[in-house]
Amino acid sequence: MQIAVHVDDSGRPLGLHEPGRLRIYQGTGTGWALSSEFPFRLPREEGVAGLRWALGRLAEEIAPCRVLLSAEVRGFAYSYLQDQLGFHVWKSEGPLDGQLAAVAEGEDRIATEACACDSVPAWGCGSCGPGGLPDAAPPPVPVEDRADGTRFLDLAAALAGDRRHNSMTVLGPLLAEAPFRPLMVRMDHLPRWFRRSLVERDLVFTEEPREGALFVTVTPKESVAP
């Protein structure tokens, strides 16, 4: 397994916006070796387009690694890495020693639990991962049941309320439910995996930007008039 870590000169994990060095470690369990490293810092003044470009270059530089250990996990950069570039982002909690093994254990646990749940392909072993070291499973996100039989979920609020969640862990179980009930989701943007998983489950969606957010309504394919 490969794990990327952004660190300072002393080896302390940093957030991506701080100047430091991006190190790629390779190994398993407690045996890890540094395979490569290079200076790195995300731009602060180039706007969203500049961040996207820099993150895309980062993904190319460290491919095929898609696991990142960082001192921060919130913000556009981390959401983009997870939802658009397929990264698992884990939050650093203390010195680096021991954390690589913990992240590897968490990755193995996610893959094992995901593949056993008959959810969307690569749930937990592609797309996006939790923003923290292995911990107790987060509580299910409450979904509002409406009088007309549909449901509503504020994904943005759910992600802000519990850092252990990501778009896949919140929406994945809901999209896998059978029979499926129409679902409206308030979100900031469409996750990278979203369209593919709906196609695989014969679900369709409409989207409506309003109130500074994106409102997405998911329905079974057969319920849509031709």
Protein backbone atom coordinates (compact mmCIF):
# COMPACT_ATOMS: atom_id res chain seq x y z
CA MET A 1 0.00 0.00 0.00
CA GLN A 2 1.11 3.56 -0.67
CA ILE A 3 0.23 6.47 1.64
CA ALA A 4 1.00 10.14 0.92
CA VAL A 5 1.78 12.46 3.84
CA HIS A 6 2.41 16.22 3.72
CA VAL A 7 4.96 17.05 6.44
CA ASP A 8 7.28 19.80 7.68
CA ASP A 9 11.05 19.41 8.05
CA SER A 10 10.63 17.57 11.34
CA GLY A 11 8.17 15.04 9.86
CA ARG A 12 5.07 16.54 11.47
CA PRO A 13 1.97 16.23 9.25
CA LEU A 14 0.71 19.55 7.82
CA GLY A 15 -2.32 20.84 5.97
CA LEU A 16 -1.88 21.07 2.20
CA HIS A 17 -1.97 24.89 2.23
CA GLU A 18 1.16 25.05 4.38
CA PRO A 19 4.63 24.85 2.79
CA GLY A 20 6.20 21.45 3.32
CA ARG A 21 7.18 18.21 1.61
CA LEU A 22 4.89 15.54 0.25
CA ARG A 23 6.24 12.11 1.12
CA ILE A 24 5.09 8.79 -0.30
CA TYR A 25 5.45 5.83 2.04
CA GLN A 26 5.08 2.23 0.91
CA GLY A 27 4.60 -0.84 3.06
CA THR A 28 2.22 -2.85 5.23
CA GLY A 29 1.54 -3.18 8.95
CA THR A 30 4.41 -1.64 10.89
CA GLY A 31 6.94 -1.89 8.04
CA TRP A 32 7.06 1.34 6.01
CA ALA A 33 9.72 2.88 3.79
CA LEU A 34 9.92 6.33 2.21
CA SER A 35 9.75 5.81 -1.57
CA SER A 36 9.76 9.45 -2.77
CA GLU A 37 9.24 13.06 -1.68
CA PHE A 38 9.07 16.55 -3.16
CA PRO A 39 8.27 20.12 -2.01
CA PHE A 40 4.58 20.97 -2.06
CA ARG A 41 2.13 23.69 -1.12
CA LEU A 42 -1.29 24.49 -2.55
CA PRO A 43 -1.68 28.00 -4.02
CA ARG A 44 -3.62 30.49 -1.90
CA GLU A 45 -4.29 33.31 -4.35
CA GLU A 46 -5.22 31.56 -7.61
CA GLY A 47 -8.86 30.78 -6.83
CA VAL A 48 -10.80 27.58 -7.43
CA ALA A 49 -9.41 27.05 -10.94
CA GLY A 50 -5.86 27.24 -9.61
CA LEU A 51 -6.65 24.79 -6.82
CA ARG A 52 -8.18 22.30 -9.26
CA TRP A 53 -5.12 22.50 -11.50
CA ALA A 54 -2.73 22.05 -8.58
CA LEU A 55 -4.69 19.12 -7.16
CA GLY A 56 -4.83 17.47 -10.57
CA ARG A 57 -1.05 17.78 -10.87
CA LEU A 58 -0.68 16.37 -7.36
CA ALA A 59 -2.77 13.32 -8.31
CA GLU A 60 -0.61 12.78 -11.39
CA GLU A 61 2.64 13.15 -9.43
CA ILE A 62 1.78 10.52 -6.82
CA ALA A 63 -0.25 8.09 -8.95
CA PRO A 64 -1.28 5.37 -8.32
CA CYS A 65 -1.37 6.42 -4.65
CA ARG A 66 -4.83 7.63 -3.63
CA VAL A 67 -4.50 7.68 0.17
CA LEU A 68 -3.55 10.93 1.92
CA LEU A 69 -2.77 11.54 5.59
CA SER A 70 -3.11 15.24 6.45
CA ALA A 71 -3.36 17.56 9.43
CA GLU A 72 -6.55 18.96 7.87
CA VAL A 73 -9.48 17.26 6.15
CA ARG A 74 -12.02 20.06 5.66
CA GLY A 75 -12.31 22.56 2.83
CA PHE A 76 -12.61 22.62 -0.94
CA ALA A 77 -9.22 21.00 -1.60
CA TYR A 78 -9.99 17.92 0.45
CA SER A 79 -13.53 17.60 -0.90
CA TYR A 80 -12.17 17.83 -4.45
CA LEU A 81 -9.52 15.18 -3.76
CA GLN A 82 -12.16 12.81 -2.41
CA ASP A 83 -15.17 13.47 -4.62
CA GLN A 84 -13.46 14.26 -7.92
CA LEU A 85 -10.07 12.52 -7.81
CA GLY A 86 -10.92 9.39 -5.84
CA PHE A 87 -8.75 9.93 -2.76
CA HIS A 88 -9.21 8.63 0.76
CA VAL A 89 -8.23 11.45 3.13
CA TRP A 90 -7.35 10.61 6.73
CA LYS A 91 -6.87 13.17 9.50
CA SER A 92 -3.55 13.11 11.34
CA GLU A 93 -3.86 12.99 15.11
CA GLY A 94 -0.38 13.32 16.56
CA PRO A 95 3.12 12.28 15.48
CA LEU A 96 3.52 10.29 12.28
CA ASP A 97 4.90 7.20 14.02
CA GLY A 98 2.18 4.56 14.16
CA GLN A 99 -0.28 6.47 12.00
CA LEU A 100 0.69 4.78 8.74
CA ALA A 101 -0.20 1.39 10.19
CA ALA A 102 -3.47 2.80 11.55
CA VAL A 103 -4.42 4.23 8.16
CA ALA A 104 -3.58 0.94 6.43
CA GLU A 105 -5.75 -0.90 8.95
CA GLY A 106 -8.59 1.52 8.34
CA GLU A 107 -8.29 1.09 4.56
CA ASP A 108 -8.46 -2.69 4.92
CA ARG A 109 -11.48 -2.39 7.20
CA ILE A 110 -13.33 -0.10 4.80
CA ALA A 111 -12.69 -2.41 1.85
CA THR A 112 -13.81 -5.48 3.79
CA GLU A 113 -16.99 -3.89 5.13
CA ALA A 114 -17.86 -2.26 1.81
CA CYS A 115 -17.47 -5.36 -0.33
CA ALA A 116 -19.71 -7.32 2.02
CA CYS A 117 -22.64 -4.90 1.94
CA ASP A 118 -23.77 -5.28 -1.69
CA SER A 119 -23.45 -1.55 -2.22
CA VAL A 120 -22.16 0.34 -5.22
CA PRO A 121 -18.92 -1.05 -6.75
CA ALA A 122 -15.75 0.22 -5.09
CA TRP A 123 -17.68 1.67 -2.15
CA GLY A 124 -14.93 2.33 0.36
CA CYS A 125 -12.12 1.14 -1.93
CA GLY A 126 -12.46 3.89 -4.59
CA SER A 127 -14.13 7.29 -4.72
CA CYS A 128 -13.79 8.77 -1.24
CA GLY A 129 -12.93 7.80 2.32
CA PRO A 130 -13.46 8.97 5.90
CA GLY A 131 -11.66 12.03 7.19
CA GLY A 132 -10.04 10.56 10.29
CA LEU A 133 -8.06 7.69 11.74
CA PRO A 134 -9.89 4.40 12.49
CA ASP A 135 -12.60 5.14 15.01
CA ALA A 136 -16.02 3.95 16.07
CA ALA A 137 -18.49 3.76 13.22
CA PRO A 138 -20.34 7.07 12.86
CA PRO A 139 -24.06 7.06 13.63
CA PRO A 140 -26.43 6.89 10.65
CA VAL A 141 -27.39 10.25 9.21
CA PRO A 142 -31.07 11.02 9.86
CA VAL A 143 -33.21 11.37 6.74
CA GLU A 144 -36.39 13.45 6.72
CA ASP A 145 -39.45 11.43 5.72
CA ARG A 146 -41.98 13.64 3.98
CA ALA A 147 -45.74 13.27 3.86
CA ASP A 148 -45.72 12.58 0.11
CA GLY A 149 -43.54 9.47 0.57
CA THR A 150 -40.29 11.13 -0.53
CA ARG A 151 -37.24 11.75 1.63
CA PHE A 152 -34.88 14.70 2.13
CA LEU A 153 -31.23 14.77 3.21
CA ASP A 154 -28.94 17.76 3.77
CA LEU A 155 -25.62 16.20 2.75
CA ALA A 156 -23.64 19.39 3.36
CA ALA A 157 -24.88 19.57 6.96
CA ALA A 158 -24.23 15.86 7.52
CA LEU A 159 -20.62 16.15 6.38
CA ALA A 160 -20.04 19.26 8.48
CA GLY A 161 -21.56 17.58 11.54
CA ASP A 162 -19.36 14.46 11.66
CA ARG A 163 -15.88 14.34 10.10
CA ARG A 164 -16.01 10.52 9.96
CA HIS A 165 -18.60 10.74 7.19
CA ASN A 166 -18.02 11.42 3.48
CA SER A 167 -20.40 11.59 0.53
CA MET A 168 -20.12 7.86 -0.12
CA THR A 169 -20.73 6.70 3.46
CA VAL A 170 -23.78 8.95 3.74
CA LEU A 171 -25.40 8.45 0.33
CA GLY A 172 -24.19 4.94 -0.49
CA PRO A 173 -26.53 3.09 1.91
CA LEU A 174 -29.51 5.25 0.87
CA LEU A 175 -28.97 4.56 -2.84
CA ALA A 176 -28.63 0.84 -2.11
CA GLU A 177 -31.99 0.55 -0.32
CA ALA A 178 -34.70 -1.54 -1.94
CA PRO A 179 -37.37 -0.63 -2.66
CA PHE A 180 -35.94 2.81 -3.39
CA ARG A 181 -37.95 5.86 -2.37
CA PRO A 182 -37.50 9.22 -4.16
CA LEU A 183 -34.78 11.19 -2.42
CA MET A 184 -33.92 14.90 -2.53
CA VAL A 185 -30.38 15.82 -1.46
CA ARG A 186 -28.98 19.26 -0.72
CA MET A 187 -25.25 19.28 -1.57
CA ASP A 188 -22.42 21.58 -2.59
CA HIS A 189 -21.59 19.68 -5.81
CA LEU A 190 -22.08 16.27 -7.42
CA PRO A 191 -19.57 13.71 -6.08
CA ARG A 192 -17.34 12.11 -8.71
CA TRP A 193 -18.86 8.64 -8.17
CA PHE A 194 -22.50 9.80 -8.14
CA ARG A 195 -23.53 9.48 -11.81
CA ARG A 196 -21.92 6.06 -12.23
CA SER A 197 -23.54 4.57 -9.14
CA LEU A 198 -27.00 5.79 -10.19
CA VAL A 199 -26.66 4.24 -13.64
CA GLU A 200 -25.64 0.93 -12.07
CA ARG A 201 -28.75 0.96 -9.90
CA ASP A 202 -31.23 2.11 -12.57
CA LEU A 203 -31.71 5.42 -10.82
CA VAL A 204 -31.92 8.85 -12.43
CA PHE A 205 -31.66 12.37 -11.06
CA THR A 206 -32.50 15.98 -11.74
CA GLU A 207 -30.58 18.93 -10.32
CA GLU A 208 -31.58 22.47 -9.45
CA PRO A 209 -29.14 25.14 -8.23
CA ARG A 210 -30.80 27.40 -5.64
CA GLU A 211 -30.18 29.02 -2.28
CA GLY A 212 -26.43 28.83 -2.88
CA ALA A 213 -26.51 25.03 -3.09
CA LEU A 214 -27.39 22.19 -5.45
CA PHE A 215 -30.67 20.33 -4.89
CA VAL A 216 -30.61 16.86 -6.47
CA THR A 217 -33.68 14.62 -6.72
CA VAL A 218 -33.08 10.90 -7.25
CA THR A 219 -35.85 8.60 -8.49
CA PRO A 220 -36.11 5.05 -9.91
CA LYS A 221 -35.66 5.02 -13.67
CA GLU A 222 -39.00 3.40 -14.37
CA SER A 223 -40.85 6.17 -12.50
CA VAL A 224 -39.75 8.80 -15.02
CA ALA A 225 -42.19 9.46 -17.83
CA PRO A 226 -40.78 8.81 -21.35
